[in-house]
Protein backbone atom coordinates (compact mmCIF):
# COMPACT_ATOMS: atom_id res chain seq x y z
CA UNK A 1 7.88 39.61 -11.06
CA UNK A 2 11.00 40.62 -9.12
CA UNK A 3 8.97 42.28 -6.36
CA UNK A 4 6.55 39.35 -6.25
CA UNK A 5 9.40 36.82 -6.04
CA UNK A 6 11.04 38.71 -3.19
CA UNK A 7 7.79 39.01 -1.23
CA UNK A 8 6.94 35.34 -1.81
CA UNK A 9 10.40 34.09 -0.82
CA UNK A 10 10.61 36.17 2.35
CA UNK A 11 7.01 35.28 3.24
CA UNK A 12 7.90 31.60 3.15
CA UNK A 13 11.53 31.52 4.32
CA UNK A 14 11.40 34.18 7.05
CA UNK A 15 12.44 32.69 10.41
CA UNK A 16 13.45 29.46 8.64
CA UNK A 17 9.80 29.03 7.61
CA UNK A 18 8.95 28.27 11.24
CA UNK A 19 6.15 30.76 11.77
CA UNK A 20 2.45 30.01 11.81
CA UNK A 21 1.85 32.64 9.13
CA UNK A 22 4.52 31.44 6.67
CA UNK A 23 3.17 31.04 3.16
CA UNK A 24 2.99 27.41 2.11
CA UNK A 25 1.15 27.45 -1.21
CA UNK A 26 1.54 29.43 -4.39
CA UNK A 27 -0.70 29.18 -7.40
CA UNK A 28 1.04 30.63 -10.45
CA UNK A 29 -0.20 31.50 -13.94
CA UNK A 30 1.41 28.89 -16.22
CA UNK A 31 2.83 31.55 -18.56
CA UNK A 32 5.10 32.97 -15.81
CA UNK A 33 5.69 29.81 -13.76
CA UNK A 34 9.26 29.06 -14.85
CA UNK A 35 10.41 32.67 -14.64
CA UNK A 36 8.82 33.22 -11.22
CA UNK A 37 10.25 30.00 -9.78
CA UNK A 38 13.71 31.00 -11.02
CA UNK A 39 13.36 34.40 -9.37
CA UNK A 40 12.10 32.91 -6.09
CA UNK A 41 15.05 30.51 -6.15
CA UNK A 42 17.50 33.38 -6.70
CA UNK A 43 16.07 35.20 -3.68
CA UNK A 44 16.25 31.94 -1.70
CA UNK A 45 19.93 31.64 -2.58
CA UNK A 46 20.52 34.92 -0.71
CA UNK A 47 18.76 33.49 2.38
CA UNK A 48 21.08 30.57 2.97
CA UNK A 49 21.24 29.16 6.50
CA UNK A 50 24.20 29.80 8.72
CA UNK A 51 25.38 30.48 12.25
CA UNK A 52 22.47 32.18 14.02
CA UNK A 53 24.96 34.24 16.06
CA UNK A 54 26.52 35.73 12.92
CA UNK A 55 24.83 39.06 12.07
CA UNK A 56 25.26 38.29 8.35
CA UNK A 57 23.16 35.13 8.62
CA UNK A 58 19.71 35.50 7.07
CA UNK A 59 18.39 32.07 8.12
CA UNK A 60 19.19 30.13 11.26
CA UNK A 61 18.78 26.52 12.19
CA UNK A 62 15.64 24.42 12.36
CA UNK A 63 14.41 24.59 15.96
CA UNK A 64 15.53 21.05 16.89
CA UNK A 65 16.30 17.58 15.51
CA UNK A 66 12.68 16.44 15.90
CA UNK A 67 11.43 19.31 13.72
CA UNK A 68 14.28 18.78 11.26
CA UNK A 69 13.31 15.10 10.87
CA UNK A 70 9.67 16.13 10.39
CA UNK A 71 10.57 18.62 7.64
CA UNK A 72 12.85 16.15 5.84
CA UNK A 73 10.08 13.53 6.08
CA UNK A 74 7.58 15.90 4.43
CA UNK A 75 10.08 16.68 1.68
CA UNK A 76 10.52 12.93 1.09
CA UNK A 77 6.74 12.35 1.10
CA UNK A 78 6.27 15.18 -1.39
CA UNK A 79 8.81 13.60 -3.75
CA UNK A 80 7.16 10.18 -3.35
CA UNK A 81 3.81 11.75 -4.23
CA UNK A 82 5.23 13.23 -7.45
CA UNK A 83 6.16 16.78 -6.45
CA UNK A 84 9.48 17.90 -7.88
CA UNK A 85 12.07 19.70 -5.76
CA UNK A 86 12.95 22.81 -7.78
CA UNK A 87 15.60 23.97 -5.29
CA UNK A 88 16.86 23.02 -1.84
CA UNK A 89 15.31 20.04 -0.10
CA UNK A 90 18.45 18.65 1.48
CA UNK A 91 20.42 18.98 4.69
CA UNK A 92 23.29 21.43 4.73
CA UNK A 93 25.71 21.92 7.58
CA UNK A 94 27.14 25.46 7.60
CA UNK A 95 27.72 24.97 11.34
CA UNK A 96 28.91 21.52 12.42
CA UNK A 97 26.16 19.55 14.13
CA UNK A 98 23.41 22.01 13.21
CA UNK A 99 20.09 21.03 11.68
CA UNK A 100 19.78 23.22 8.60
CA UNK A 101 17.71 22.95 5.42
CA UNK A 102 18.17 25.62 2.75
CA UNK A 103 15.13 27.37 1.28
CA UNK A 104 13.20 24.66 -0.55
CA UNK A 105 10.85 25.14 -3.49
CA UNK A 106 8.64 22.41 -4.96
CA UNK A 107 6.94 22.50 -8.32
CA UNK A 108 4.24 20.33 -9.89
CA UNK A 109 2.59 19.69 -6.54
CA UNK A 110 -0.81 18.02 -6.86
CA UNK A 111 -3.74 19.26 -4.81
CA UNK A 112 -3.75 15.96 -2.92
CA UNK A 113 -0.02 16.05 -2.09
CA UNK A 114 0.76 15.92 1.62
CA UNK A 115 3.77 18.26 1.28
CA UNK A 116 1.63 21.23 0.22
CA UNK A 117 -0.15 21.18 3.57
CA UNK A 118 3.03 21.47 5.63
């Protein structure tokens, strides 16, 4: 599960999740769901956003305020539709004035939930 969690996390969070090939959905066998989500979250904690000019930064800013607002809106819609934020899902500001969202993981997302499509 460690290798799977690392591959899943990097596949989603690479380039702040702003690539057309970023993974957006994960279907998990119920018997390993909690353990896998914990492991993905632990990997996500190592990919925290920061100053994009700092070589130690693994995740930069959201491209602009418009995209940031769009992402926050989808997170809010997901919560309204019953999805639970397992980790992340909020604005952080490691660099003053930046538009950053840490790696965010939902759980219990219904097949009709808008957030799963974004």
